């Protein structure tokens, strides 16, 4: 199956939180989109690896993605090395996306920035014919995506461009809330440090970020992305 967009996240909820609206928008326009989670997020304070895998599939169904897979990398201890690069390259060559969405280039969580570099490097190396890979016993052909865009996560990074997600914001929230282990609705727990975040507070933060970005471009809600390679346009009117 060839995909138009392949979104990677190091943890199962990274993509949903940061670019779920953009995914919804492109699927509705007829594009095929998939999500690849690198780890199960098994070291997270809240929930567990197996539970988050189930939640990720539910969120993927809400978004309407064509595929959602998990590469099973070790949370916190994966590296940007030959072993992990080859696994990502195999996935890129399998689905041949035109666009790859990847983790934030830097963030509070060290996994995010490390994954961003791993994914960017893999997209480049995937286009080298002399790097040979096989999947299911079949030799793969080289493939390099046309563009890699990094979504923005916890830290506020100045975006290079913004995507209007106004009509899709509520469905994005639905996908985020599929990760129910990460949220709670009551204040009954004695030790609040050991329970998920308050759902309302987190939703307000997501809504505030979307409104902040949207205001920059005249939208009600937007998601921001950064680029490593400056994109070119054929006309100034492509930017309006």
C-alpha atoms as a PDB file:
ATOM      1  CA  UNK A   1       0.000   0.000   0.000  1.00  0.00           C
ATOM      2  CA  UNK A   2       1.422   3.348  -1.021  1.00  0.00           C
ATOM      3  CA  UNK A   3       0.694   6.213   1.338  1.00  0.00           C
ATOM      4  CA  UNK A   4       0.674   9.927   0.651  1.00  0.00           C
ATOM      5  CA  UNK A   5       1.681  10.880   4.187  1.00  0.00           C
ATOM      6  CA  UNK A   6       3.407   8.791   6.857  1.00  0.00           C
ATOM      7  CA  UNK A   7       3.405  10.285  10.348  1.00  0.00           C
ATOM      8  CA  UNK A   8       5.915   8.966  12.870  1.00  0.00           C
ATOM      9  CA  UNK A   9       5.801   9.377  16.637  1.00  0.00           C
ATOM     10  CA  UNK A  10       8.227   8.032  19.190  1.00  0.00           C
ATOM     11  CA  UNK A  11       5.385   7.503  21.698  1.00  0.00           C
ATOM     12  CA  UNK A  12       1.867   6.283  20.806  1.00  0.00           C
ATOM     13  CA  UNK A  13       0.147   9.633  21.401  1.00  0.00           C
ATOM     14  CA  UNK A  14       2.730  12.023  19.909  1.00  0.00           C
ATOM     15  CA  UNK A  15       1.158  12.188  16.466  1.00  0.00           C
ATOM     16  CA  UNK A  16      -2.423  12.494  17.734  1.00  0.00           C
ATOM     17  CA  UNK A  17      -1.595  15.334  20.122  1.00  0.00           C
ATOM     18  CA  UNK A  18       0.544  17.332  17.710  1.00  0.00           C
ATOM     19  CA  UNK A  19      -0.777  16.866  14.172  1.00  0.00           C
ATOM     20  CA  UNK A  20      -4.059  14.960  14.436  1.00  0.00           C
ATOM     21  CA  UNK A  21      -5.968  17.825  12.855  1.00  0.00           C
ATOM     22  CA  UNK A  22      -3.622  17.954   9.870  1.00  0.00           C
ATOM     23  CA  UNK A  23      -4.057  14.204   9.378  1.00  0.00           C
ATOM     24  CA  UNK A  24      -7.844  14.480   9.511  1.00  0.00           C
ATOM     25  CA  UNK A  25      -7.803  17.315   6.987  1.00  0.00           C
ATOM     26  CA  UNK A  26      -5.689  15.439   4.460  1.00  0.00           C
ATOM     27  CA  UNK A  27      -7.637  12.199   4.803  1.00  0.00           C
ATOM     28  CA  UNK A  28     -10.869  14.080   4.115  1.00  0.00           C
ATOM     29  CA  UNK A  29      -9.271  15.537   0.982  1.00  0.00           C
ATOM     30  CA  UNK A  30      -8.623  12.009  -0.290  1.00  0.00           C
ATOM     31  CA  UNK A  31      -5.035  11.428   0.815  1.00  0.00           C
ATOM     32  CA  UNK A  32      -3.914   8.116   2.303  1.00  0.00           C
ATOM     33  CA  UNK A  33      -2.239   8.589   5.666  1.00  0.00           C
ATOM     34  CA  UNK A  34      -0.563   6.144   8.038  1.00  0.00           C
ATOM     35  CA  UNK A  35       0.947   6.354  11.518  1.00  0.00           C
ATOM     36  CA  UNK A  36       4.048   4.547  12.777  1.00  0.00           C
ATOM     37  CA  UNK A  37       4.745   4.615  16.518  1.00  0.00           C
ATOM     38  CA  UNK A  38       8.366   3.792  17.326  1.00  0.00           C
ATOM     39  CA  UNK A  39       7.799   2.598  20.916  1.00  0.00           C
ATOM     40  CA  UNK A  40       4.882   1.593  23.112  1.00  0.00           C
ATOM     41  CA  UNK A  41       5.705   4.362  25.591  1.00  0.00           C
ATOM     42  CA  UNK A  42       6.167   1.645  28.181  1.00  0.00           C
ATOM     43  CA  UNK A  43       8.245   3.793  30.540  1.00  0.00           C
ATOM     44  CA  UNK A  44       5.610   6.507  30.848  1.00  0.00           C
ATOM     45  CA  UNK A  45       4.354   7.247  34.357  1.00  0.00           C
ATOM     46  CA  UNK A  46       0.757   6.678  33.313  1.00  0.00           C
ATOM     47  CA  UNK A  47      -0.737   3.573  31.756  1.00  0.00           C
ATOM     48  CA  UNK A  48       1.303   0.673  30.372  1.00  0.00           C
ATOM     49  CA  UNK A  49       2.797  -0.386  27.061  1.00  0.00           C
ATOM     50  CA  UNK A  50       0.070  -2.930  26.205  1.00  0.00           C
ATOM     51  CA  UNK A  51      -2.710  -0.518  27.170  1.00  0.00           C
ATOM     52  CA  UNK A  52      -1.255   2.318  25.122  1.00  0.00           C
ATOM     53  CA  UNK A  53      -1.039   0.047  22.080  1.00  0.00           C
ATOM     54  CA  UNK A  54      -4.786  -0.600  22.379  1.00  0.00           C
ATOM     55  CA  UNK A  55      -5.464   3.113  22.839  1.00  0.00           C
ATOM     56  CA  UNK A  56      -3.340   3.931  19.779  1.00  0.00           C
ATOM     57  CA  UNK A  57      -5.417   1.645  17.579  1.00  0.00           C
ATOM     58  CA  UNK A  58      -8.615   3.269  18.832  1.00  0.00           C
ATOM     59  CA  UNK A  59      -7.219   6.739  18.151  1.00  0.00           C
ATOM     60  CA  UNK A  60      -6.141   5.637  14.675  1.00  0.00           C
ATOM     61  CA  UNK A  61      -9.682   4.493  13.929  1.00  0.00           C
ATOM     62  CA  UNK A  62     -11.043   7.881  14.985  1.00  0.00           C
ATOM     63  CA  UNK A  63      -8.555   9.640  12.722  1.00  0.00           C
ATOM     64  CA  UNK A  64      -9.340   7.239   9.878  1.00  0.00           C
ATOM     65  CA  UNK A  65      -5.739   6.346   9.035  1.00  0.00           C
ATOM     66  CA  UNK A  66      -5.036   3.540   6.562  1.00  0.00           C
ATOM     67  CA  UNK A  67      -2.503   1.833   8.838  1.00  0.00           C
ATOM     68  CA  UNK A  68      -1.121   2.218  12.344  1.00  0.00           C
ATOM     69  CA  UNK A  69       1.861   0.114  13.345  1.00  0.00           C
ATOM     70  CA  UNK A  70       4.364  -0.025  16.188  1.00  0.00           C
ATOM     71  CA  UNK A  71       8.047  -0.786  15.578  1.00  0.00           C
ATOM     72  CA  UNK A  72       8.657  -1.986  19.128  1.00  0.00           C
ATOM     73  CA  UNK A  73      11.747   0.128  19.787  1.00  0.00           C
ATOM     74  CA  UNK A  74      12.809   0.323  23.440  1.00  0.00           C
ATOM     75  CA  UNK A  75      11.331   3.403  25.080  1.00  0.00           C
ATOM     76  CA  UNK A  76      14.060   5.869  26.182  1.00  0.00           C
ATOM     77  CA  UNK A  77      16.909   3.603  25.024  1.00  0.00           C
ATOM     78  CA  UNK A  78      16.536   3.513  21.227  1.00  0.00           C
ATOM     79  CA  UNK A  79      19.412   5.144  19.363  1.00  0.00           C
ATOM     80  CA  UNK A  80      20.082   6.808  16.036  1.00  0.00           C
ATOM     81  CA  UNK A  81      22.221   3.898  14.893  1.00  0.00           C
ATOM     82  CA  UNK A  82      22.386   1.409  12.042  1.00  0.00           C
ATOM     83  CA  UNK A  83      19.932  -1.056  13.617  1.00  0.00           C
ATOM     84  CA  UNK A  84      17.176   1.498  14.173  1.00  0.00           C
ATOM     85  CA  UNK A  85      17.820   3.393  10.944  1.00  0.00           C
ATOM     86  CA  UNK A  86      17.386   0.223   8.891  1.00  0.00           C
ATOM     87  CA  UNK A  87      14.060  -0.577  10.563  1.00  0.00           C
ATOM     88  CA  UNK A  88      12.708   2.887   9.757  1.00  0.00           C
ATOM     89  CA  UNK A  89      14.100   2.718   6.216  1.00  0.00           C
ATOM     90  CA  UNK A  90      12.222  -0.544   5.652  1.00  0.00           C
ATOM     91  CA  UNK A  91       8.957   1.141   6.635  1.00  0.00           C
ATOM     92  CA  UNK A  92       9.595   4.170   4.419  1.00  0.00           C
ATOM     93  CA  UNK A  93      10.370   1.932   1.454  1.00  0.00           C
ATOM     94  CA  UNK A  94       7.348  -0.226   2.145  1.00  0.00           C
ATOM     95  CA  UNK A  95       4.816   2.629   2.147  1.00  0.00           C
ATOM     96  CA  UNK A  96       6.668   5.089  -0.121  1.00  0.00           C
ATOM     97  CA  UNK A  97       5.185   8.287   1.353  1.00  0.00           C
ATOM     98  CA  UNK A  98       5.545  11.606  -0.415  1.00  0.00           C
ATOM     99  CA  UNK A  99       5.573  13.408   2.943  1.00  0.00           C
ATOM    100  CA  UNK A 100       6.853  12.288   6.347  1.00  0.00           C
ATOM    101  CA  UNK A 101       5.735  13.956   9.579  1.00  0.00           C
ATOM    102  CA  UNK A 102       8.184  13.557  12.460  1.00  0.00           C
ATOM    103  CA  UNK A 103       8.715  14.494  16.095  1.00  0.00           C
ATOM    104  CA  UNK A 104       9.714  17.972  17.206  1.00  0.00           C
ATOM    105  CA  UNK A 105      13.339  18.855  16.514  1.00  0.00           C
ATOM    106  CA  UNK A 106      13.835  19.636  20.217  1.00  0.00           C
ATOM    107  CA  UNK A 107      11.585  19.230  23.225  1.00  0.00           C
ATOM    108  CA  UNK A 108      11.331  18.688  26.965  1.00  0.00           C
ATOM    109  CA  UNK A 109      11.351  14.914  26.484  1.00  0.00           C
ATOM    110  CA  UNK A 110      14.769  13.820  25.166  1.00  0.00           C
ATOM    111  CA  UNK A 111      13.181  11.014  23.112  1.00  0.00           C
ATOM    112  CA  UNK A 112      11.431  13.551  20.877  1.00  0.00           C
ATOM    113  CA  UNK A 113      14.489  15.342  19.553  1.00  0.00           C
ATOM    114  CA  UNK A 114      16.442  12.090  19.187  1.00  0.00           C
ATOM    115  CA  UNK A 115      13.585  10.544  17.214  1.00  0.00           C
ATOM    116  CA  UNK A 116      13.355  13.652  15.024  1.00  0.00           C
ATOM    117  CA  UNK A 117      16.971  13.243  13.941  1.00  0.00           C
ATOM    118  CA  UNK A 118      16.626   9.471  13.494  1.00  0.00           C
ATOM    119  CA  UNK A 119      13.594   9.949  11.239  1.00  0.00           C
ATOM    120  CA  UNK A 120      15.150  12.766   9.232  1.00  0.00           C
ATOM    121  CA  UNK A 121      18.309  10.718   8.651  1.00  0.00           C
ATOM    122  CA  UNK A 122      16.312   7.606   7.717  1.00  0.00           C
ATOM    123  CA  UNK A 123      14.347   9.550   5.102  1.00  0.00           C
ATOM    124  CA  UNK A 124      17.608  10.590   3.450  1.00  0.00           C
ATOM    125  CA  UNK A 125      19.302   7.193   3.638  1.00  0.00           C
ATOM    126  CA  UNK A 126      16.168   5.482   2.352  1.00  0.00           C
ATOM    127  CA  UNK A 127      16.908   7.064  -1.011  1.00  0.00           C
ATOM    128  CA  UNK A 128      20.371   5.503  -1.305  1.00  0.00           C
ATOM    129  CA  UNK A 129      20.335   2.472  -3.609  1.00  0.00           C
ATOM    130  CA  UNK A 130      23.460   0.974  -2.044  1.00  0.00           C
ATOM    131  CA  UNK A 131      21.687   0.569   1.291  1.00  0.00           C
ATOM    132  CA  UNK A 132      19.933  -2.745   0.724  1.00  0.00           C
ATOM    133  CA  UNK A 133      16.888  -3.868   2.686  1.00  0.00           C
ATOM    134  CA  UNK A 134      14.384  -6.681   2.477  1.00  0.00           C
ATOM    135  CA  UNK A 135      10.860  -7.069   3.782  1.00  0.00           C
ATOM    136  CA  UNK A 136       9.004 -10.380   3.770  1.00  0.00           C
ATOM    137  CA  UNK A 137      11.807 -11.886   1.734  1.00  0.00           C
ATOM    138  CA  UNK A 138      11.540  -9.310  -1.048  1.00  0.00           C
ATOM    139  CA  UNK A 139      14.291  -6.824  -1.865  1.00  0.00           C
ATOM    140  CA  UNK A 140      13.090  -3.263  -1.489  1.00  0.00           C
ATOM    141  CA  UNK A 141      13.687  -0.391  -3.879  1.00  0.00           C
ATOM    142  CA  UNK A 142      15.161   2.901  -2.697  1.00  0.00           C
ATOM    143  CA  UNK A 143      12.626   5.615  -1.881  1.00  0.00           C
ATOM    144  CA  UNK A 144      13.086   9.125  -0.536  1.00  0.00           C
ATOM    145  CA  UNK A 145      10.099  11.227   0.583  1.00  0.00           C
ATOM    146  CA  UNK A 146       9.788  14.623  -1.051  1.00  0.00           C
ATOM    147  CA  UNK A 147       9.544  16.406   2.292  1.00  0.00           C
ATOM    148  CA  UNK A 148       9.985  15.894   6.041  1.00  0.00           C
ATOM    149  CA  UNK A 149       8.008  18.198   8.320  1.00  0.00           C
ATOM    150  CA  UNK A 150       8.461  18.266  12.097  1.00  0.00           C
ATOM    151  CA  UNK A 151       5.389  18.903  14.236  1.00  0.00           C
ATOM    152  CA  UNK A 152       5.656  20.902  17.459  1.00  0.00           C
ATOM    153  CA  UNK A 153       5.166  19.304  20.883  1.00  0.00           C
ATOM    154  CA  UNK A 154       5.563  20.587  24.454  1.00  0.00           C
ATOM    155  CA  UNK A 155       8.067  23.381  23.899  1.00  0.00           C
ATOM    156  CA  UNK A 156       6.887  26.394  21.957  1.00  0.00           C
ATOM    157  CA  UNK A 157       8.959  26.455  18.773  1.00  0.00           C
ATOM    158  CA  UNK A 158       8.366  29.133  16.153  1.00  0.00           C
ATOM    159  CA  UNK A 159       6.645  27.327  13.261  1.00  0.00           C
ATOM    160  CA  UNK A 160       7.797  27.661   9.675  1.00  0.00           C
ATOM    161  CA  UNK A 161       4.247  27.142   8.434  1.00  0.00           C
ATOM    162  CA  UNK A 162       0.760  26.603   9.831  1.00  0.00           C
ATOM    163  CA  UNK A 163      -2.092  24.315   8.794  1.00  0.00           C
ATOM    164  CA  UNK A 164      -5.707  25.392   9.335  1.00  0.00           C
ATOM    165  CA  UNK A 165      -7.452  22.651  11.350  1.00  0.00           C
ATOM    166  CA  UNK A 166     -10.505  24.654  12.410  1.00  0.00           C
ATOM    167  CA  UNK A 167     -13.169  22.171  11.180  1.00  0.00           C
ATOM    168  CA  UNK A 168     -11.216  19.199  12.552  1.00  0.00           C
ATOM    169  CA  UNK A 169     -10.320  20.356  16.033  1.00  0.00           C
ATOM    170  CA  UNK A 170     -13.115  18.557  17.883  1.00  0.00           C
ATOM    171  CA  UNK A 171     -12.338  15.241  16.168  1.00  0.00           C
ATOM    172  CA  UNK A 172      -8.681  15.726  17.019  1.00  0.00           C
ATOM    173  CA  UNK A 173      -9.696  16.022  20.674  1.00  0.00           C
ATOM    174  CA  UNK A 174     -11.727  12.807  20.351  1.00  0.00           C
ATOM    175  CA  UNK A 175      -8.622  10.997  19.080  1.00  0.00           C
ATOM    176  CA  UNK A 176      -6.511  12.393  21.909  1.00  0.00           C
ATOM    177  CA  UNK A 177      -9.049  11.293  24.511  1.00  0.00           C
ATOM    178  CA  UNK A 178      -8.813   7.734  23.190  1.00  0.00           C
ATOM    179  CA  UNK A 179      -5.620   7.650  25.276  1.00  0.00           C
ATOM    180  CA  UNK A 180      -7.780   7.482  28.382  1.00  0.00           C
ATOM    181  CA  UNK A 181      -4.965   6.192  30.607  1.00  0.00           C
ATOM    182  CA  UNK A 182      -3.335   9.607  30.279  1.00  0.00           C
ATOM    183  CA  UNK A 183      -6.303  11.524  31.704  1.00  0.00           C
ATOM    184  CA  UNK A 184      -8.725  11.600  34.605  1.00  0.00           C
ATOM    185  CA  UNK A 185     -12.067  13.260  35.325  1.00  0.00           C
ATOM    186  CA  UNK A 186     -12.090  13.370  39.110  1.00  0.00           C
ATOM    187  CA  UNK A 187      -9.951  14.676  41.943  1.00  0.00           C
ATOM    188  CA  UNK A 188     -10.540  11.709  44.245  1.00  0.00           C
ATOM    189  CA  UNK A 189      -7.033  10.272  44.098  1.00  0.00           C
ATOM    190  CA  UNK A 190      -4.874  10.927  47.139  1.00  0.00           C
ATOM    191  CA  UNK A 191      -1.576  11.239  45.264  1.00  0.00           C
ATOM    192  CA  UNK A 192      -2.198  13.462  42.248  1.00  0.00           C
ATOM    193  CA  UNK A 193       1.385  12.980  41.023  1.00  0.00           C
ATOM    194  CA  UNK A 194       0.620   9.356  40.208  1.00  0.00           C
ATOM    195  CA  UNK A 195      -2.601   9.823  38.247  1.00  0.00           C
ATOM    196  CA  UNK A 196      -3.185  11.085  34.709  1.00  0.00           C
ATOM    197  CA  UNK A 197      -3.574  14.765  33.964  1.00  0.00           C
ATOM    198  CA  UNK A 198      -6.906  16.493  34.378  1.00  0.00           C
ATOM    199  CA  UNK A 199      -8.652  16.095  31.033  1.00  0.00           C
ATOM    200  CA  UNK A 200     -10.215  19.562  31.018  1.00  0.00           C
ATOM    201  CA  UNK A 201      -6.934  21.290  31.834  1.00  0.00           C
ATOM    202  CA  UNK A 202      -5.105  19.404  29.091  1.00  0.00           C
ATOM    203  CA  UNK A 203      -7.837  20.071  26.532  1.00  0.00           C
ATOM    204  CA  UNK A 204      -7.641  23.767  27.358  1.00  0.00           C
ATOM    205  CA  UNK A 205      -3.879  23.711  26.759  1.00  0.00           C
ATOM    206  CA  UNK A 206      -4.328  22.016  23.368  1.00  0.00           C
ATOM    207  CA  UNK A 207      -7.077  24.459  22.441  1.00  0.00           C
ATOM    208  CA  UNK A 208      -4.971  27.429  23.529  1.00  0.00           C
ATOM    209  CA  UNK A 209      -1.980  26.347  21.435  1.00  0.00           C
ATOM    210  CA  UNK A 210      -4.203  25.810  18.384  1.00  0.00           C
ATOM    211  CA  UNK A 211      -5.792  29.237  18.842  1.00  0.00           C
ATOM    212  CA  UNK A 212      -2.388  30.878  19.305  1.00  0.00           C
ATOM    213  CA  UNK A 213      -1.072  29.418  16.057  1.00  0.00           C
ATOM    214  CA  UNK A 214      -4.336  30.078  14.269  1.00  0.00           C
ATOM    215  CA  UNK A 215      -4.279  33.757  15.145  1.00  0.00           C
ATOM    216  CA  UNK A 216      -0.956  34.149  13.327  1.00  0.00           C
ATOM    217  CA  UNK A 217      -2.555  33.125  10.026  1.00  0.00           C
ATOM    218  CA  UNK A 218      -6.148  34.230  10.488  1.00  0.00           C
ATOM    219  CA  UNK A 219      -7.489  30.772  11.410  1.00  0.00           C
ATOM    220  CA  UNK A 220      -9.487  29.782  14.481  1.00  0.00           C
ATOM    221  CA  UNK A 221      -7.251  26.763  15.082  1.00  0.00           C
ATOM    222  CA  UNK A 222      -3.983  25.631  13.533  1.00  0.00           C
ATOM    223  CA  UNK A 223      -1.089  23.202  13.922  1.00  0.00           C
ATOM    224  CA  UNK A 224       2.492  24.301  13.393  1.00  0.00           C
ATOM    225  CA  UNK A 225       5.409  22.602  11.673  1.00  0.00           C
ATOM    226  CA  UNK A 226       9.105  23.286  11.154  1.00  0.00           C
ATOM    227  CA  UNK A 227      11.283  22.340   8.210  1.00  0.00           C
ATOM    228  CA  UNK A 228      14.947  21.441   7.814  1.00  0.00           C
ATOM    229  CA  UNK A 229      14.925  22.070   4.058  1.00  0.00           C
ATOM    230  CA  UNK A 230      13.247  25.265   2.877  1.00  0.00           C
ATOM    231  CA  UNK A 231      10.358  24.377   0.538  1.00  0.00           C
ATOM    232  CA  UNK A 232      10.035  26.103  -2.823  1.00  0.00           C
ATOM    233  CA  UNK A 233       6.883  27.357  -4.540  1.00  0.00           C
ATOM    234  CA  UNK A 234       6.062  28.104  -8.165  1.00  0.00           C
ATOM    235  CA  UNK A 235       4.216  31.317  -7.412  1.00  0.00           C
ATOM    236  CA  UNK A 236       3.744  33.792  -4.580  1.00  0.00           C
ATOM    237  CA  UNK A 237       0.047  32.909  -4.774  1.00  0.00           C
ATOM    238  CA  UNK A 238       0.863  29.406  -3.531  1.00  0.00           C
ATOM    239  CA  UNK A 239       1.485  31.104  -0.178  1.00  0.00           C
ATOM    240  CA  UNK A 240      -1.841  32.893   0.161  1.00  0.00           C
END
